[in-house]
Protein backbone atom coordinates (compact mmCIF):
# COMPACT_ATOMS: atom_id res chain seq x y z
CA MET A 1 0.00 0.00 0.00
CA SER A 2 2.97 2.33 0.56
CA ARG A 3 3.45 2.82 -3.18
CA VAL A 4 -0.21 3.73 -3.70
CA ARG A 5 -0.39 6.01 -0.67
CA SER A 6 2.86 7.80 -1.52
CA LEU A 7 1.75 8.47 -5.08
CA CYS A 8 -1.73 9.64 -4.10
CA ALA A 9 -0.42 11.76 -1.23
CA ARG A 10 2.10 13.57 -3.43
CA THR A 11 -0.58 14.31 -6.03
CA ALA A 12 -3.07 15.50 -3.43
CA CYS A 13 -0.46 17.82 -1.89
CA LEU A 14 0.25 19.26 -5.33
CA ALA A 15 -3.45 19.86 -5.89
CA LEU A 16 -3.79 21.67 -2.57
CA ALA A 17 -0.68 23.75 -3.25
CA LEU A 18 -2.18 24.90 -6.52
CA GLY A 19 -5.52 25.59 -4.92
CA LEU A 20 -4.28 27.40 -1.84
CA GLY A 21 -1.90 29.89 -3.27
CA MET A 22 0.32 29.04 -6.24
CA ARG A 23 -0.65 30.95 -9.35
CA PRO A 24 -0.27 29.05 -12.64
CA VAL A 25 1.37 30.98 -15.46
CA ALA A 26 -1.23 32.57 -17.73
CA ALA A 27 0.89 34.17 -20.43
CA ALA A 28 -1.94 34.35 -22.94
CA ALA A 29 -4.66 35.68 -20.66
CA ALA A 30 -5.74 38.53 -22.91
CA ALA A 31 -5.72 36.33 -25.98
CA ALA A 32 -7.77 33.68 -24.19
CA ALA A 33 -10.39 36.22 -23.20
CA ALA A 34 -10.63 37.51 -26.75
CA GLU A 35 -10.91 33.99 -28.09
CA GLY A 36 -13.76 33.16 -25.71
CA VAL A 37 -15.76 36.19 -26.84
CA ALA A 38 -15.02 35.73 -30.53
CA HIS A 39 -15.95 32.07 -30.65
CA GLY A 40 -19.12 32.22 -28.57
CA ALA A 41 -21.46 33.24 -31.38
CA SER A 42 -19.93 30.92 -33.96
CA ARG A 43 -20.16 27.96 -31.62
CA ALA A 44 -23.82 28.67 -31.01
CA ALA A 45 -24.57 28.63 -34.74
CA ALA A 46 -22.21 25.82 -35.70
CA HIS A 47 -23.70 22.86 -33.88
CA THR A 48 -26.71 21.53 -32.07
CA ALA A 49 -25.53 20.41 -28.66
CA ALA A 50 -26.97 17.38 -26.93
CA SER A 51 -26.76 19.34 -23.70
CA ALA A 52 -29.26 22.04 -24.71
CA GLY A 53 -30.63 23.60 -21.55
CA ASP A 54 -27.67 22.73 -19.33
CA LEU A 55 -25.90 25.48 -17.45
CA LEU A 56 -22.48 24.92 -15.88
CA ILE A 57 -21.48 26.73 -12.68
CA THR A 58 -17.80 27.11 -11.82
CA GLY A 59 -15.62 29.42 -9.78
CA ALA A 60 -12.23 30.87 -10.65
CA LYS A 61 -9.53 33.08 -9.18
CA PRO A 62 -9.63 35.63 -7.79
CA ASP A 63 -13.37 36.26 -7.35
CA ARG A 64 -15.23 34.97 -10.39
CA LEU A 65 -18.39 32.90 -10.56
CA PHE A 66 -19.16 31.82 -14.12
CA VAL A 67 -22.49 30.62 -15.53
CA ILE A 68 -21.80 28.79 -18.80
CA ASP A 69 -24.31 27.89 -21.49
CA ALA A 70 -23.36 24.34 -22.46
CA ALA A 71 -25.23 24.45 -25.77
CA THR A 72 -23.46 27.55 -27.10
CA ARG A 73 -20.13 26.90 -25.33
CA SER A 74 -20.18 30.46 -24.04
CA VAL A 75 -20.19 32.36 -20.75
CA ARG A 76 -23.74 33.49 -20.11
CA THR A 77 -22.94 35.45 -16.95
CA GLU A 78 -19.82 36.40 -15.01
CA HIS A 79 -20.23 37.53 -11.42
CA HIS A 80 -17.54 39.16 -9.26
CA ILE A 81 -17.99 37.94 -5.70
CA ALA A 82 -16.93 40.28 -2.91
CA GLY A 83 -14.75 38.98 -0.08
CA THR A 84 -13.42 35.82 -1.69
CA GLU A 85 -9.81 36.73 -0.81
CA GLY A 86 -8.47 35.04 -3.90
CA GLN A 87 -10.40 31.84 -4.51
CA ILE A 88 -13.73 30.00 -4.61
CA PHE A 89 -13.60 26.46 -3.23
CA THR A 90 -16.70 24.29 -2.79
CA ILE A 91 -19.91 25.21 -4.60
CA VAL A 92 -23.26 23.77 -3.48
CA LEU A 93 -26.64 24.69 -4.94
CA SER A 94 -30.02 25.38 -3.41
CA PRO A 95 -32.67 22.77 -4.26
CA ASP A 96 -34.40 25.19 -6.65
CA GLN A 97 -31.02 25.83 -8.34
CA ARG A 98 -31.38 29.58 -7.93
CA VAL A 99 -28.68 30.19 -5.32
CA ALA A 100 -25.05 29.04 -5.32
CA TYR A 101 -23.39 28.77 -1.90
CA LEU A 102 -19.65 29.37 -2.12
CA LEU A 103 -16.85 28.58 0.33
CA VAL A 104 -14.43 31.52 0.12
CA ASP A 105 -11.99 33.69 2.09
CA ARG A 106 -9.41 30.98 2.84
CA MET A 107 -12.26 28.65 3.84
CA GLU A 108 -13.50 31.03 6.55
CA ARG A 109 -16.66 32.43 4.91
CA ILE A 110 -19.70 31.08 3.09
CA VAL A 111 -21.67 33.34 0.77
CA GLY A 112 -24.91 32.65 -1.08
CA VAL A 113 -25.24 34.26 -4.49
CA ASP A 114 -28.33 34.55 -6.67
CA ILE A 115 -27.18 32.82 -9.86
CA ALA A 116 -29.21 35.00 -12.21
CA SER A 117 -28.33 38.42 -10.80
CA GLY A 118 -25.10 37.86 -8.86
CA ARG A 119 -26.67 39.50 -5.81
CA GLU A 120 -25.37 38.27 -2.46
CA VAL A 121 -28.28 36.89 -0.45
CA PHE A 122 -26.46 35.05 2.33
CA ARG A 123 -23.22 35.40 4.26
CA ALA A 124 -21.78 33.53 7.22
CA ASP A 125 -18.41 34.66 8.54
CA LEU A 126 -17.14 31.62 10.38
CA SER A 127 -14.20 33.22 12.18
CA GLY A 128 -14.55 35.90 14.82
CA PRO A 129 -12.59 37.76 17.50
CA GLY A 130 -10.26 35.34 19.26
CA GLU A 131 -11.31 32.37 17.12
CA ARG A 132 -10.27 31.25 13.67
CA ILE A 133 -12.57 28.72 12.00
CA LYS A 134 -11.81 26.83 8.80
CA ASP A 135 -14.25 24.72 6.80
CA PHE A 136 -12.18 22.18 4.89
CA PHE A 137 -14.41 21.90 1.77
CA ALA A 138 -17.36 20.27 3.59
CA MET A 139 -20.79 21.92 3.49
CA MET A 140 -24.30 21.15 2.22
CA VAL A 141 -27.82 22.55 1.92
CA THR A 142 -30.75 20.55 3.27
CA PRO A 143 -33.26 19.26 0.67
CA ASP A 144 -35.92 21.74 1.79
CA GLY A 145 -33.44 24.58 1.20
CA LYS A 146 -33.98 26.03 4.67
CA GLU A 147 -30.64 25.19 6.31
CA LEU A 148 -26.97 25.06 5.45
CA ILE A 149 -24.64 22.80 7.39
CA ALA A 150 -20.91 23.58 7.55
CA TYR A 151 -18.02 21.56 9.00
CA GLU A 152 -16.04 23.79 11.35
CA LEU A 153 -12.48 23.41 12.58
CA PRO A 154 -12.09 26.02 15.35
CA THR A 155 -8.87 27.34 16.84
CA GLU A 156 -8.69 29.70 19.81
CA LEU A 157 -6.21 32.53 19.22
CA HIS A 158 -4.49 33.54 22.46
CA PRO A 159 -1.57 35.97 22.88
CA SER A 160 0.87 33.22 23.77
CA GLU A 161 -0.67 30.12 22.24
CA TYR A 162 -3.21 28.65 19.84
CA VAL A 163 -5.65 26.07 21.20
CA VAL A 164 -7.14 23.60 18.74
CA ASP A 165 -10.75 22.87 19.71
CA GLU A 166 -12.89 19.89 18.75
CA PRO A 167 -14.48 19.92 15.28
CA ARG A 168 -18.19 20.55 14.97
CA PHE A 169 -21.05 20.98 12.54
CA ALA A 170 -22.67 24.42 12.47
CA VAL A 171 -26.21 24.85 11.15
CA PHE A 172 -27.31 28.13 9.58
CA ARG A 173 -30.70 29.28 8.36
CA THR A 174 -30.43 30.13 4.67
CA ASP A 175 -32.74 33.11 5.29
CA GLY A 176 -30.22 34.39 7.84
CA GLY A 177 -29.21 37.29 5.59
CA LEU A 178 -25.75 38.81 5.32
CA ALA A 179 -24.82 38.31 8.97
CA ALA A 180 -25.99 34.74 9.44
CA LYS A 181 -25.15 33.04 12.73
CA ALA A 182 -25.30 29.35 13.58
CA VAL A 183 -28.62 28.36 15.12
CA ARG A 184 -27.18 25.13 16.53
CA THR A 185 -23.97 23.12 16.57
CA PHE A 186 -23.10 19.51 17.31
CA PRO A 187 -19.90 17.45 17.55
CA ALA A 188 -18.21 16.09 14.43
CA GLN A 189 -15.47 13.61 13.63
CA ARG A 190 -12.06 14.86 12.56
CA ARG A 191 -10.81 14.66 8.97
CA ILE A 192 -14.14 15.30 7.25
CA ASN A 193 -13.89 16.74 3.74
CA MET A 194 -17.37 16.34 2.25
CA LEU A 195 -21.02 16.55 3.29
CA LEU A 196 -23.83 14.98 1.24
CA ALA A 197 -27.52 15.48 1.94
CA ARG A 198 -29.89 12.51 1.88
CA PRO A 199 -33.10 13.21 -0.09
CA ASN A 200 -35.39 12.50 2.88
CA GLY A 201 -33.95 15.52 4.67
CA GLN A 202 -33.68 13.64 7.95
CA SER A 203 -29.97 12.79 7.81
CA PHE A 204 -26.78 13.53 5.94
CA TYR A 205 -23.48 11.83 5.18
CA ALA A 206 -20.08 13.11 6.26
CA LEU A 207 -17.24 11.65 4.22
CA GLY A 208 -13.74 11.38 5.60
CA PHE A 209 -11.56 8.48 6.70
CA ASP A 210 -14.87 6.63 7.03
CA LEU A 211 -18.49 7.33 6.12
CA TYR A 212 -20.61 8.81 8.91
CA GLU A 213 -24.34 9.47 8.97
CA TYR A 214 -25.82 12.16 11.22
CA ASP A 215 -29.35 13.21 12.14
CA VAL A 216 -29.97 16.70 10.77
CA LYS A 217 -32.04 17.99 13.72
CA SER A 218 -30.40 16.37 16.73
CA GLY A 219 -26.86 15.92 15.42
CA LYS A 220 -26.86 12.34 16.66
CA LEU A 221 -24.36 10.03 14.96
CA LEU A 222 -26.56 7.36 13.37
CA GLY A 223 -23.93 5.08 11.94
CA THR A 224 -20.39 4.56 10.68
CA ARG A 225 -19.28 2.53 7.70
CA GLY A 226 -15.79 1.73 6.66
CA ILE A 227 -13.73 3.45 4.03
CA GLN A 228 -10.27 3.19 5.52
CA LYS A 229 -11.75 0.50 7.74
CA TRP A 230 -13.41 -1.37 4.89
CA SER A 231 -13.55 -5.16 5.01
CA LEU A 232 -12.73 -6.19 1.46
CA ALA A 233 -10.93 -9.52 1.50
CA ASP A 234 -7.27 -9.45 0.44
CA HIS A 235 -7.31 -5.64 0.07
CA SER A 236 -5.02 -3.24 1.92
CA GLN A 237 -6.20 -0.08 3.64
CA PRO A 238 -7.56 2.16 0.86
CA ASP A 239 -6.84 5.75 -0.09
CA LEU A 240 -9.06 8.28 -1.85
CA LEU A 241 -9.21 11.99 -2.69
CA ALA A 242 -12.79 13.28 -2.48
CA PHE A 243 -13.17 17.07 -2.58
CA TRP A 244 -15.86 17.47 -5.28
CA PRO A 245 -19.37 16.74 -3.89
CA VAL A 246 -21.03 15.98 -7.23
CA SER A 247 -24.01 13.62 -7.21
CA GLU A 248 -26.05 15.15 -10.04
CA PRO A 249 -27.85 13.97 -12.07
CA THR A 250 -28.30 10.51 -10.50
CA GLY A 251 -28.26 11.11 -6.75
CA VAL A 252 -25.29 8.75 -6.52
CA PHE A 253 -21.88 9.97 -5.38
CA THR A 254 -18.86 8.16 -6.85
CA SER A 255 -15.14 8.28 -6.19
CA PRO A 256 -12.04 6.35 -7.23
CA VAL A 257 -10.46 4.35 -4.41
CA TYR A 258 -6.91 3.01 -4.42
CA SER A 259 -5.59 -0.05 -2.61
CA GLU A 260 -3.37 -3.09 -3.05
CA ILE A 261 -4.69 -6.61 -3.51
CA LYS A 262 -2.84 -9.77 -2.62
CA ARG A 263 -2.20 -12.14 -5.52
CA GLY A 264 -0.10 -15.00 -4.31
CA SER A 265 3.13 -13.60 -2.93
CA GLU A 266 2.67 -10.23 -4.68
CA SER A 267 0.64 -7.11 -3.95
CA VAL A 268 -0.92 -5.44 -6.99
CA PRO A 269 -2.07 -1.79 -6.85
CA MET A 270 -5.75 -1.61 -7.82
CA THR A 271 -8.28 1.09 -8.62
CA ALA A 272 -11.88 0.64 -7.48
CA LEU A 273 -15.01 2.69 -7.96
CA MET A 274 -16.91 3.64 -4.81
CA THR A 275 -20.64 4.30 -5.25
CA LEU A 276 -22.90 5.79 -2.58
CA ASN A 277 -26.62 6.01 -3.34
CA LEU A 278 -27.85 8.96 -1.31
CA LYS A 279 -31.48 7.78 -1.34
CA SER A 280 -31.09 4.08 -0.53
CA GLY A 281 -27.84 4.37 1.40
CA ASP A 282 -26.26 1.55 -0.61
CA LEU A 283 -22.44 1.73 -0.47
CA ALA A 284 -20.36 -0.45 -2.78
CA TYR A 285 -16.79 -0.83 -3.97
CA ALA A 286 -15.72 -2.60 -7.17
CA ASP A 287 -12.21 -2.99 -8.57
CA PHE A 288 -12.12 -2.18 -12.27
CA GLU A 289 -8.42 -2.10 -13.22
CA PRO A 290 -4.89 -2.47 -11.90
CA LEU A 291 -3.63 1.00 -11.08
CA SER A 292 -2.41 2.53 -14.34
CA ALA A 293 -3.56 6.16 -14.14
CA LEU A 294 -4.55 8.41 -11.28
CA ILE A 295 -8.15 9.66 -11.25
CA PHE A 296 -9.09 12.64 -9.07
CA SER A 297 -12.88 12.67 -9.40
CA THR A 298 -15.66 10.70 -11.08
CA VAL A 299 -19.31 11.14 -12.02
CA LEU A 300 -22.04 8.63 -12.88
CA SER A 301 -23.97 8.76 -16.16
CA PRO A 302 -27.74 9.38 -15.98
CA ASP A 303 -28.47 5.73 -16.89
CA LYS A 304 -25.97 4.62 -14.20
CA LYS A 305 -24.21 2.34 -16.68
CA HIS A 306 -21.00 4.33 -16.97
CA ALA A 307 -18.75 6.38 -14.73
CA TYR A 308 -16.34 8.98 -16.04
CA GLY A 309 -13.11 9.90 -14.27
CA VAL A 310 -10.61 12.67 -14.83
CA TYR A 311 -7.11 13.88 -14.05
CA THR A 312 -4.42 13.69 -16.77
CA THR A 313 -6.68 11.38 -18.74
CA LEU A 314 -10.42 10.98 -19.29
CA THR A 315 -11.63 7.52 -18.32
CA SER A 316 -14.86 5.66 -19.03
CA ILE A 317 -15.79 2.79 -16.66
CA ASP A 318 -18.35 0.02 -17.24
CA VAL A 319 -20.14 0.09 -13.88
CA ALA A 320 -21.96 -3.25 -14.10
CA GLY A 321 -19.03 -5.04 -15.74
CA HIS A 322 -16.44 -3.57 -13.33
CA ARG A 323 -14.01 -2.85 -16.14
CA LEU A 324 -12.19 -0.03 -17.86
CA GLU A 325 -13.98 0.85 -21.11
CA LYS A 326 -11.77 3.52 -22.59
CA ARG A 327 -9.14 6.09 -21.69
CA VAL A 328 -7.89 9.09 -23.66
CA PRO A 329 -5.13 11.60 -22.84
CA LEU A 330 -6.03 15.20 -22.01
CA ASP A 331 -4.27 18.43 -22.94
CA HIS A 332 -3.51 19.06 -19.27
CA THR A 333 -4.83 18.06 -15.87
CA PHE A 334 -8.48 18.58 -14.98
CA TYR A 335 -9.68 18.06 -11.40
CA ALA A 336 -13.46 18.22 -11.77
CA VAL A 337 -15.86 16.25 -13.98
CA ASN A 338 -19.60 16.32 -14.57
CA VAL A 339 -22.04 15.02 -17.16
CA SER A 340 -24.86 16.52 -19.20
CA THR A 341 -28.44 15.97 -18.15
CA ASP A 342 -29.06 13.74 -21.18
CA GLY A 343 -25.80 11.84 -20.67
CA ARG A 344 -24.38 12.60 -24.12
CA GLU A 345 -21.61 14.98 -23.07
CA ILE A 346 -18.96 15.08 -20.37
CA TYR A 347 -17.88 18.39 -18.86
CA LEU A 348 -14.39 18.96 -17.46
CA GLY A 349 -13.23 21.81 -15.23
CA GLY A 350 -10.88 22.75 -12.43
CA THR A 351 -7.11 23.35 -12.52
CA ASN A 352 -6.87 25.87 -15.34
CA CYS A 353 -9.03 28.30 -17.31
CA ASP A 354 -10.37 25.61 -19.68
CA VAL A 355 -13.82 24.07 -19.55
CA GLY A 356 -13.87 20.94 -21.70
CA PHE A 357 -16.74 19.38 -23.62
CA TYR A 358 -16.29 15.71 -24.55
CA ASP A 359 -18.46 13.11 -26.25
CA ALA A 360 -19.61 10.58 -23.67
CA ALA A 361 -19.63 7.63 -26.07
CA SER A 362 -16.30 8.13 -27.85
CA LEU A 363 -14.51 10.40 -25.32
CA GLU A 364 -13.67 12.60 -28.29
CA LYS A 365 -12.94 16.24 -27.52
CA LYS A 366 -15.73 18.39 -28.93
CA ASP A 367 -14.78 21.83 -27.68
CA ILE A 368 -12.79 23.84 -25.16
CA LEU A 369 -14.05 27.09 -23.68
CA LYS A 370 -11.40 29.37 -22.25
CA LEU A 371 -12.79 31.49 -19.45
CA PRO A 372 -12.45 35.27 -19.82
CA GLY A 373 -9.08 36.47 -18.56
CA CYS A 374 -7.93 32.84 -18.41
CA SER A 375 -9.18 32.73 -14.82
CA ASP A 376 -7.77 29.72 -12.93
CA GLN A 377 -10.50 27.42 -11.53
CA THR A 378 -8.10 25.52 -9.22
CA LEU A 379 -10.15 23.27 -6.88
CA SER A 380 -13.58 24.79 -7.53
CA THR A 381 -16.57 22.47 -7.91
CA LEU A 382 -18.10 22.11 -11.39
CA ARG A 383 -21.89 21.97 -11.09
CA VAL A 384 -24.59 21.38 -13.69
CA ILE A 385 -28.13 22.75 -13.56
CA HIS A 386 -30.85 22.52 -16.17
CA GLY A 387 -31.44 26.10 -17.25
CA LYS A 388 -34.87 27.58 -17.73
């Protein structure tokens, strides 16, 4: 397992370094912006996209929130978000898909932005006098849209020392306005990096070293299931990198998982696909190939027959057959992946200023949209909504 863990750890550290401060070189920023504007109209007229009606939501340095029309391959709206302090991290959407909640300001503030107008409708400053609070990627909105739950890592700031307090979940009313305060808190496990709402609204999942389920109202821990403590025969302790809380359009969250499997006297590095059905609660792992390429994030097709993974390559996985279907190289790394509502296109984002459009059947590159100013998306979530 040491080979797998070392490789994954180095890559994860690189991703965080890029996301938390290092600025990629953007020598052709002005040219990229001009290209995006010039090609928008021609793209709209040149082809009929399978993804008509889809809107993509992504964030980029230093303060940009982009709404992209997938059919025309063009930026429909660009919002400048106040108080980001350089980067937008996690993006979660309200159930009616009208508000995007953004983790910003070095993971110490959450803002809610009306997607159509760019108007700020919600703000929760997590840190305060004498206390610094970070939210390491993990937040969610309840299915009724009334509450937002954030994962808080508090530190007391004293003149002569810092005191690390226990982690907690903080619950905010989404109608709390621009000075929202937590209406209740409850204890949390350490090393949580993702929250996923269950459709019944009664509980939610917290993903970290293991999978935890909590009651929304009481905060009671309802159950724990193994990730690092999984019980797969002949498999080593697994490793995964899960920062992108994408479960649309199926309601199933997926992630690549890396481990080693014993084959006789040898240990073979393997890649598995983890699937978590948010409605039924079914959690499954299935090896699909010996480790040959790192995958950062995956998404499930609308018919649930295929999963698509991305990093330096774009990968298609046969879910039922537990096998690699196809893999193609990419122009550069992409961290985030999503899929069109009709399942015919794959969308790629994160890392750079490119948003990629790929054919889901052939994995052929169909188009690349360069964001205005060649704004770097880094670790931002790539979301898909069906536009009105």
